[in-house]
Amino acid sequence: MKILVLNCGSSSIKYKLYDMDDESVLAQGGVERIGIEGAFLKLTLPNGEKKQIMHDMPDHKEGVNFVFQTLLDPELGAISSLDEIDAVGHRIVQGGDLFEKSCLVDQKVEDGIESLCDLAPVHNAGHLKGIRAVDHLMPNVPQVTVFDNAFHSTMPAYAYLYAVPYEIYEKYHVRRYGFHGTSHRYVSHRVAEIMGRDIRDLKIITCHIGNGASVAAIKDGKVMDTSMGLTPLAGVMMGSRSGDIDASAVTYIMDKLGKTPQQMADYLNKESGVLGISGISSDMRDVEAAAKEGNERAKLALQMYAYRIKKYIGAYAAAMGGVDVIVWTAGVGENQTGTRADACEGLEFLGIEIDREKNAAVRSREELISTPESKVKVYVVPTDEEIVIARDTMELVKGL
C-alpha cells in the first residue's frame, strides 16, 4: 500500500510518499510560497540530492497538482500513475474537542475542521484547502485526518481547564488542547520499545523542542498534561513565541504599544521568545554562535530557554509522582546539546544525571545520554510524525 502524507499550511505543502509494505519513503519534499510570487517545490531524491523547481502556484489546488506532477515525473518522481496512491493522510493542527482520534474524511469531518478555524485560523484553513484539493484531483481516493491535539485528549479536566468562568469553556471551547501530539505519541511509544518496557508501566516526560516547543507528561501511556494550551503560544519559551506570560502583562503591553488584539497575538507569536530576548534570531544555532562570541543577550536567551524547560520537567515529575524517562526530540531537542545539558542540570535530586561527554556527541540519532547511575533514563529520539500519520491512514483505510 502506498500512502501520501500531506501537511498543508497557509502557503506551503510538505509531503512524503510511503510504501507501507516496509515503511520506506519513496519521495519527499515541499511546496512553498503558494499564492505568492516566486513559488517553488523542493524535493529530496533517494540518493540525498536536493532539487528546487520554480513553478507558479496561485492556490493549494495547483500546489497539490504540482506535487502530483512531480511524483509522476520520469526523472524526479516515484510512481508511474496516481492510481498507485491508495490513500492520503493529512496532519490537522486543531481538532478541538470534536475529534479525539484520527478519522476518515467525509463532509461532516470537513465541516468540523472548518468550524474550528477560529481556534487555528491559519493552520486549519490551510489543511482544509489541501483536503479539498485532493477531493478535486483524486475524488475516489480515501483521505484520513490525524489531529495534532488528539493524543492529548486523555488529559483530565483539572489539567485542561482554565480557571475562568466555566461557561467560557461550554460556549467557546476555551481550554488547554496541546499540540505536537503525533510527535509526543511517536517518541513516547518508541522509547518504550527501545527500553523493552510496556508504555503502560512508565512515567515519561517528552520534550519536543524545536522552533515551536512543548513538553508532555505521559503516565501509563496517557497524557496527563502538556505545556501548550488553547493555541501553540503557551508553555515554554520558543523561537519567536513568548510561552507563558501574565495575561495582565499582555493587556499592559497592548495599551503601551497601541496594539490591536491580532497585532498583539502576532507580537507574542512572531517577535518574542528567543528572537525577542536575543535580538538576533529565532534559530538557536545563530543564538548559540552569538553567545560563544560573548553576546550577553544571546547568553540570557539561552539561560531563559533552558530554565523554562527545566521548570516543566520538575512540574511534570511532581504531577506524575515521579518520572522514569525523559525524551528529547525535534530540531533543538535532537541537536542542541547545550540546551539538553542545561535543562537537566541541577535535577540530580530527581535522579536525573546526564553523561555530558555522551550528550555532547549525540545529534539526530536514538541514544541514551544519561549516566549508568542515573535513576531516570534520558534519551534522544528523533521524531517521525509523518509515519504516525501514514500508519493511522493505513489502519483506517484497511477497515473500509
Protein backbone atom coordinates (compact mmCIF):
# COMPACT_ATOMS: atom_id res chain seq x y z
CA MET A 1 0.00 0.00 0.00
CA LYS A 2 1.29 3.45 -0.96
CA ILE A 3 0.22 6.36 1.22
CA LEU A 4 0.83 10.05 0.62
CA VAL A 5 1.14 12.21 3.74
CA LEU A 6 0.37 15.92 3.35
CA ASN A 7 0.92 18.76 5.80
CA CYS A 8 -0.71 21.84 4.29
CA GLY A 9 -0.06 25.25 5.79
CA SER A 10 -1.35 28.66 4.80
CA SER A 11 1.15 28.95 1.93
CA SER A 12 3.00 25.65 1.98
CA ILE A 13 2.61 21.90 1.47
CA LYS A 14 5.00 19.29 2.87
CA TYR A 15 4.68 15.77 1.50
CA LYS A 16 6.02 12.24 1.95
CA LEU A 17 5.08 9.19 -0.06
CA TYR A 18 5.43 5.86 1.78
CA ASP A 19 5.45 2.26 0.67
CA MET A 20 3.79 0.81 3.76
CA ASP A 21 4.94 -2.74 2.98
CA ASP A 22 8.24 -1.78 4.59
CA GLU A 23 7.50 1.86 5.61
CA SER A 24 10.13 3.10 3.17
CA VAL A 25 9.99 6.69 1.95
CA LEU A 26 9.58 6.76 -1.83
CA ALA A 27 9.52 10.54 -2.22
CA GLN A 28 9.53 13.66 -0.06
CA GLY A 29 9.58 17.39 -0.46
CA GLY A 30 7.63 20.57 -0.02
CA VAL A 31 5.97 23.44 -1.80
CA GLU A 32 6.47 26.99 -0.55
CA ARG A 33 5.09 30.46 -1.30
CA ILE A 34 1.67 29.33 -2.56
CA GLY A 35 -0.22 32.40 -3.73
CA ILE A 36 2.97 34.46 -3.57
CA GLU A 37 5.41 35.42 -6.29
CA GLY A 38 8.39 33.09 -6.51
CA ALA A 39 6.61 29.86 -5.55
CA PHE A 40 8.69 26.69 -5.77
CA LEU A 41 8.85 23.00 -4.94
CA LYS A 42 11.90 21.49 -3.29
CA LEU A 43 12.46 17.76 -3.05
CA THR A 44 14.99 15.27 -1.80
CA LEU A 45 15.91 12.44 -4.16
CA PRO A 46 16.55 8.90 -2.85
CA ASN A 47 20.32 9.49 -3.15
CA GLY A 48 20.05 12.54 -0.89
CA GLU A 49 20.39 15.09 -3.69
CA LYS A 50 18.15 18.13 -3.33
CA LYS A 51 16.32 19.85 -6.20
CA GLN A 52 14.34 23.08 -6.39
CA ILE A 53 11.79 23.75 -9.14
CA MET A 54 10.20 27.15 -9.67
CA HIS A 55 6.50 26.97 -10.55
CA ASP A 56 3.62 29.43 -10.34
CA MET A 57 1.13 28.16 -7.74
CA PRO A 58 -1.72 30.61 -7.15
CA ASP A 59 -3.62 28.30 -4.80
CA HIS A 60 -3.45 24.96 -2.93
CA LYS A 61 -5.19 23.13 -5.75
CA GLU A 62 -2.31 23.95 -8.08
CA GLY A 63 0.19 23.25 -5.28
CA VAL A 64 -1.19 19.74 -4.76
CA ASN A 65 -1.44 19.26 -8.52
CA PHE A 66 2.25 20.14 -8.93
CA VAL A 67 3.18 17.71 -6.15
CA PHE A 68 1.34 15.03 -8.15
CA GLN A 69 3.11 16.07 -11.37
CA THR A 70 6.46 15.82 -9.62
CA LEU A 71 5.64 12.38 -8.20
CA LEU A 72 4.87 11.27 -11.77
CA ASP A 73 7.98 12.84 -13.32
CA PRO A 74 10.10 10.13 -15.06
CA GLU A 75 13.34 11.51 -13.60
CA LEU A 76 12.28 13.04 -10.27
CA GLY A 77 9.20 11.01 -9.41
CA ALA A 78 8.48 7.72 -7.71
CA ILE A 79 5.29 6.44 -9.36
CA SER A 80 4.02 5.97 -12.90
CA SER A 81 0.33 6.60 -12.17
CA LEU A 82 -1.70 8.38 -9.47
CA ASP A 83 -3.68 5.14 -9.21
CA GLU A 84 -0.71 3.78 -7.24
CA ILE A 85 -1.59 6.11 -4.35
CA ASP A 86 -4.01 4.15 -2.16
CA ALA A 87 -4.79 6.88 0.38
CA VAL A 88 -3.83 10.37 1.54
CA GLY A 89 -3.24 11.25 5.20
CA HIS A 90 -3.38 14.84 6.44
CA ARG A 91 -1.92 16.48 9.53
CA ILE A 92 -4.56 18.73 11.15
CA VAL A 93 -3.36 21.10 13.85
CA GLN A 94 -6.62 21.78 15.67
CA GLY A 95 -9.27 19.15 16.26
CA GLY A 96 -10.68 20.95 19.29
CA ASP A 97 -12.90 18.73 21.39
CA LEU A 98 -14.69 17.43 18.29
CA PHE A 99 -12.00 14.95 17.23
CA GLU A 100 -10.21 12.75 19.75
CA LYS A 101 -8.79 10.28 17.24
CA SER A 102 -7.85 10.03 13.58
CA CYS A 103 -10.76 9.61 11.16
CA LEU A 104 -11.71 9.12 7.53
CA VAL A 105 -12.63 12.33 5.74
CA ASP A 106 -16.26 12.96 4.86
CA GLN A 107 -18.33 16.13 4.65
CA LYS A 108 -19.04 16.07 8.38
CA VAL A 109 -15.30 15.95 9.14
CA GLU A 110 -14.58 18.81 6.72
CA ASP A 111 -17.35 20.88 8.32
CA GLY A 112 -15.97 20.12 11.78
CA ILE A 113 -12.46 21.23 10.82
CA GLU A 114 -13.90 24.41 9.31
CA SER A 115 -15.90 25.12 12.48
CA LEU A 116 -12.63 25.12 14.44
CA CYS A 117 -10.92 27.71 12.24
CA ASP A 118 -11.41 30.37 14.93
CA LEU A 119 -9.08 28.36 17.18
CA ALA A 120 -6.41 27.93 14.49
CA PRO A 121 -7.30 30.27 11.62
CA VAL A 122 -4.07 29.96 9.65
CA HIS A 123 -3.47 26.25 10.12
CA ASN A 124 -6.95 24.76 9.79
CA ALA A 125 -7.80 26.88 6.75
CA GLY A 126 -4.65 25.60 5.02
CA HIS A 127 -5.43 21.98 5.95
CA LEU A 128 -8.93 22.32 4.51
CA LYS A 129 -7.57 23.69 1.25
CA GLY A 130 -5.32 20.65 0.96
CA ILE A 131 -8.14 18.20 1.65
CA ARG A 132 -10.40 19.89 -0.90
CA ALA A 133 -7.62 19.99 -3.49
CA VAL A 134 -7.22 16.23 -3.19
CA ASP A 135 -11.04 15.89 -3.29
CA HIS A 136 -10.99 17.63 -6.66
CA LEU A 137 -7.92 15.98 -8.16
CA MET A 138 -8.38 12.43 -6.79
CA PRO A 139 -12.07 12.17 -5.87
CA ASN A 140 -12.05 8.40 -5.38
CA VAL A 141 -9.02 8.17 -3.10
CA PRO A 142 -9.80 7.89 0.62
CA GLN A 143 -8.39 10.60 2.89
CA VAL A 144 -7.63 10.48 6.61
CA THR A 145 -7.16 13.30 9.11
CA VAL A 146 -4.72 12.93 12.00
CA PHE A 147 -5.17 15.63 14.63
CA ASP A 148 -2.24 17.31 16.36
CA ASN A 149 -4.04 17.53 19.70
CA ALA A 150 -5.75 14.11 19.67
CA PHE A 151 -3.01 12.36 21.69
CA HIS A 152 -3.57 14.94 24.44
CA SER A 153 -7.30 14.17 24.67
CA THR A 154 -6.66 11.91 27.68
CA MET A 155 -5.86 14.91 29.89
CA PRO A 156 -8.20 15.13 32.89
CA ALA A 157 -10.47 18.16 33.18
CA TYR A 158 -8.50 19.52 36.13
CA ALA A 159 -5.45 19.72 33.86
CA TYR A 160 -7.02 21.09 30.68
CA LEU A 161 -9.45 23.66 32.08
CA TYR A 162 -8.51 27.29 32.69
CA ALA A 163 -9.66 28.93 35.91
CA VAL A 164 -12.11 31.27 34.16
CA PRO A 165 -15.93 31.09 34.39
CA TYR A 166 -16.99 27.61 33.30
CA GLU A 167 -19.46 28.90 30.72
CA ILE A 168 -16.49 30.20 28.67
CA TYR A 169 -15.49 26.58 28.17
CA GLU A 170 -19.07 25.49 27.50
CA LYS A 171 -19.83 28.28 24.99
CA TYR A 172 -16.49 28.88 23.31
CA HIS A 173 -14.49 25.68 23.97
CA VAL A 174 -11.68 27.62 25.67
CA ARG A 175 -9.36 25.05 27.28
CA ARG A 176 -5.90 23.56 27.01
CA TYR A 177 -5.63 21.36 23.91
CA GLY A 178 -1.90 20.92 23.40
CA PHE A 179 -0.10 20.32 20.13
CA HIS A 180 2.76 18.27 18.63
CA GLY A 181 0.62 15.28 19.61
CA THR A 182 1.82 12.99 16.84
CA SER A 183 5.43 13.67 17.86
CA HIS A 184 4.81 13.09 21.58
CA ARG A 185 2.92 9.92 20.67
CA TYR A 186 5.69 8.61 18.42
CA VAL A 187 8.64 9.22 20.73
CA SER A 188 6.88 8.01 23.89
CA HIS A 189 5.99 4.70 22.26
CA ARG A 190 9.37 4.45 20.59
CA VAL A 191 11.33 4.99 23.82
CA ALA A 192 9.25 2.27 25.50
CA GLU A 193 10.23 -0.06 22.63
CA ILE A 194 13.91 0.88 22.98
CA MET A 195 13.78 0.19 26.72
CA GLY A 196 11.90 -3.08 26.22
CA ARG A 197 9.16 -1.80 28.54
CA ASP A 198 5.39 -1.59 28.34
CA ILE A 199 4.46 2.08 27.95
CA ARG A 200 1.59 1.46 30.38
CA ASP A 201 4.16 0.90 33.13
CA LEU A 202 6.17 4.08 32.52
CA LYS A 203 6.12 7.73 33.58
CA ILE A 204 7.54 9.66 30.62
CA ILE A 205 8.31 13.33 30.05
CA THR A 206 8.64 14.08 26.35
CA CYS A 207 10.35 17.32 25.31
CA HIS A 208 9.52 18.29 21.72
CA ILE A 209 11.89 21.22 21.40
CA GLY A 210 12.07 22.93 18.02
CA ASN A 211 11.26 26.43 16.83
CA GLY A 212 7.91 25.61 18.39
CA ALA A 213 8.29 23.65 21.61
CA SER A 214 6.15 21.68 24.03
CA VAL A 215 6.58 19.29 26.94
CA ALA A 216 4.18 16.49 27.87
CA ALA A 217 3.64 14.32 30.94
CA ILE A 218 2.70 10.79 29.88
CA LYS A 219 1.71 8.31 32.59
CA ASP A 220 0.70 4.73 31.81
CA GLY A 221 0.61 5.60 28.10
CA LYS A 222 -1.81 8.51 28.54
CA VAL A 223 -1.13 12.24 28.51
CA MET A 224 -1.77 13.82 31.91
CA ASP A 225 -0.69 17.33 30.96
CA THR A 226 1.09 19.28 28.25
CA SER A 227 2.60 22.74 28.09
CA MET A 228 0.86 24.27 25.04
CA GLY A 229 -2.67 25.50 25.59
CA LEU A 230 -5.63 26.76 23.59
CA THR A 231 -3.06 27.68 20.95
CA PRO A 232 0.62 26.81 20.42
CA LEU A 233 1.64 30.07 22.15
CA ALA A 234 1.57 28.76 25.73
CA GLY A 235 4.21 26.84 27.65
CA VAL A 236 7.98 27.01 27.34
CA MET A 237 9.84 29.84 25.64
CA MET A 238 10.21 29.19 21.89
CA GLY A 239 12.00 30.53 18.83
CA SER A 240 9.70 33.51 18.33
CA ARG A 241 6.86 32.73 20.77
CA SER A 242 6.82 34.07 24.30
CA GLY A 243 5.47 30.98 26.01
CA ASP A 244 3.73 31.52 29.35
CA ILE A 245 3.09 35.17 30.22
CA ASP A 246 0.92 37.00 32.74
CA ALA A 247 -2.34 37.89 30.96
CA SER A 248 -2.24 41.34 32.58
CA ALA A 249 1.21 41.89 31.07
CA VAL A 250 -0.39 41.28 27.67
CA THR A 251 -3.07 43.95 28.14
CA TYR A 252 -0.48 46.32 29.64
CA ILE A 253 1.82 45.95 26.61
CA MET A 254 -1.16 46.34 24.26
CA ASP A 255 -2.04 49.62 25.93
CA LYS A 256 1.53 50.95 25.91
CA LEU A 257 2.17 50.00 22.27
CA GLY A 258 -1.33 50.72 20.99
CA LYS A 259 -1.77 47.26 19.52
CA THR A 260 -4.99 45.55 18.47
CA PRO A 261 -5.67 42.00 19.73
CA GLN A 262 -4.45 40.49 16.44
CA GLN A 263 -1.35 42.70 16.41
CA MET A 264 -0.61 41.63 19.98
CA ALA A 265 -1.05 37.96 19.06
CA ASP A 266 1.43 38.44 16.19
CA TYR A 267 3.83 40.25 18.56
CA LEU A 268 3.82 37.33 21.03
CA ASN A 269 3.94 34.64 18.33
CA LYS A 270 6.39 36.15 15.84
CA GLU A 271 8.54 38.76 17.62
CA SER A 272 9.07 37.30 21.08
CA GLY A 273 10.78 34.25 22.58
CA VAL A 274 14.45 33.68 21.76
CA LEU A 275 14.23 36.23 18.95
CA GLY A 276 12.79 38.93 21.19
CA ILE A 277 15.29 38.44 24.02
CA SER A 278 18.42 37.95 21.92
CA GLY A 279 17.54 40.47 19.21
CA ILE A 280 19.45 38.16 16.86
CA SER A 281 17.39 35.27 15.57
CA SER A 282 14.73 32.69 16.33
CA ASP A 283 17.21 29.99 15.27
CA MET A 284 19.03 28.51 18.25
CA ARG A 285 22.14 27.84 16.16
CA ASP A 286 22.54 31.56 15.48
CA VAL A 287 21.95 32.41 19.12
CA GLU A 288 24.41 29.78 20.38
CA ALA A 289 27.05 31.12 17.99
CA ALA A 290 26.48 34.68 19.25
CA ALA A 291 26.67 33.53 22.88
CA LYS A 292 30.04 31.88 22.21
CA GLU A 293 31.25 35.20 20.86
CA GLY A 294 30.27 36.88 24.13
CA ASN A 295 26.88 38.39 23.26
CA GLU A 296 25.19 38.87 26.66
CA ARG A 297 21.63 38.95 25.38
CA ALA A 298 22.23 35.72 23.50
CA LYS A 299 23.55 34.16 26.72
CA LEU A 300 20.46 35.40 28.59
CA ALA A 301 18.15 33.94 25.94
CA LEU A 302 19.81 30.53 26.29
CA GLN A 303 19.56 30.66 30.08
CA MET A 304 15.88 31.59 29.96
CA TYR A 305 15.19 28.90 27.38
CA ALA A 306 16.75 26.03 29.35
CA TYR A 307 15.36 27.28 32.68
CA ARG A 308 11.78 27.17 31.47
CA ILE A 309 12.15 23.64 30.12
CA LYS A 310 13.67 22.61 33.47
CA LYS A 311 10.66 24.05 35.31
CA TYR A 312 8.27 21.96 33.24
CA ILE A 313 10.32 18.81 33.78
CA GLY A 314 10.17 19.38 37.54
CA ALA A 315 6.46 20.21 37.47
CA TYR A 316 5.57 17.14 35.46
CA ALA A 317 7.66 14.85 37.64
CA ALA A 318 5.59 16.18 40.54
CA ALA A 319 2.31 15.79 38.64
CA MET A 320 3.03 12.12 37.88
CA GLY A 321 4.56 11.28 41.24
CA GLY A 322 7.94 10.66 39.66
CA VAL A 323 9.49 10.07 36.27
CA ASP A 324 11.16 7.03 34.69
CA VAL A 325 12.41 8.50 31.42
CA ILE A 326 12.88 11.86 29.71
CA VAL A 327 12.89 12.06 25.91
CA TRP A 328 14.38 14.86 23.82
CA THR A 329 13.17 15.29 20.25
CA ALA A 330 12.62 17.78 17.36
CA GLY A 331 15.20 20.13 15.84
CA VAL A 332 16.63 21.65 19.02
CA GLY A 333 15.99 18.65 21.25
CA GLU A 334 17.79 16.32 18.86
CA ASN A 335 20.74 18.58 18.04
CA GLN A 336 21.40 21.35 20.58
CA THR A 337 23.47 19.51 23.15
CA GLY A 338 23.85 22.58 25.37
CA THR A 339 20.11 23.01 25.82
CA ARG A 340 19.71 19.37 26.88
CA ALA A 341 22.57 19.60 29.38
CA ASP A 342 21.49 22.95 30.85
CA ALA A 343 17.84 21.92 31.22
CA CYS A 344 18.80 18.74 33.11
CA GLU A 345 21.49 20.38 35.26
CA GLY A 346 20.51 20.59 38.92
CA LEU A 347 17.90 17.87 38.67
CA GLU A 348 20.08 15.24 40.30
CA PHE A 349 17.70 15.28 43.30
CA LEU A 350 15.11 13.75 40.95
CA GLY A 351 17.58 11.05 39.91
CA ILE A 352 18.47 12.73 36.61
CA GLU A 353 22.15 12.63 35.67
CA ILE A 354 23.34 13.49 32.16
CA ASP A 355 26.52 11.94 30.78
CA ARG A 356 27.97 15.21 29.45
CA GLU A 357 30.52 13.56 27.20
CA LYS A 358 27.98 11.25 25.59
CA ASN A 359 25.40 14.05 25.33
CA ALA A 360 27.89 16.28 23.51
CA ALA A 361 28.37 13.63 20.83
CA VAL A 362 24.70 12.84 20.09
CA ARG A 363 22.80 14.55 17.29
CA SER A 364 19.72 13.29 15.44
CA ARG A 365 20.02 9.65 16.45
CA GLU A 366 18.48 7.37 19.04
CA GLU A 367 20.79 7.31 22.05
CA LEU A 368 20.78 7.04 25.83
CA ILE A 369 22.55 10.13 27.19
CA SER A 370 22.18 9.60 30.94
CA THR A 371 24.83 8.02 33.15
CA PRO A 372 24.61 4.37 34.24
CA GLU A 373 23.94 5.66 37.78
CA SER A 374 21.02 7.87 36.72
CA LYS A 375 17.75 6.57 38.16
CA VAL A 376 15.91 8.39 35.39
CA LYS A 377 16.84 7.40 31.85
CA VAL A 378 17.36 10.28 29.42
CA TYR A 379 17.13 9.57 25.69
CA VAL A 380 17.38 11.41 22.41
CA VAL A 381 14.78 10.00 19.99
CA PRO A 382 14.36 11.64 16.57
CA THR A 383 10.69 12.22 15.90
CA ASP A 384 8.76 10.90 12.91
CA GLU A 385 5.32 12.50 12.81
CA GLU A 386 4.72 11.50 9.19
CA ILE A 387 4.99 7.77 9.84
CA VAL A 388 2.38 8.10 12.61
CA ILE A 389 0.03 9.75 10.10
CA ALA A 390 0.79 7.07 7.48
CA ARG A 391 0.16 4.23 9.96
CA ASP A 392 -3.15 5.70 11.11
CA THR A 393 -4.17 6.24 7.50
CA MET A 394 -3.38 2.65 6.55
CA GLU A 395 -5.23 1.28 9.56
CA LEU A 396 -8.39 3.25 8.80
CA VAL A 397 -8.32 2.59 5.06
CA LYS A 398 -7.88 -1.15 5.59
CA GLY A 399 -11.11 -1.06 7.59
CA LEU A 400 -13.11 0.19 4.60
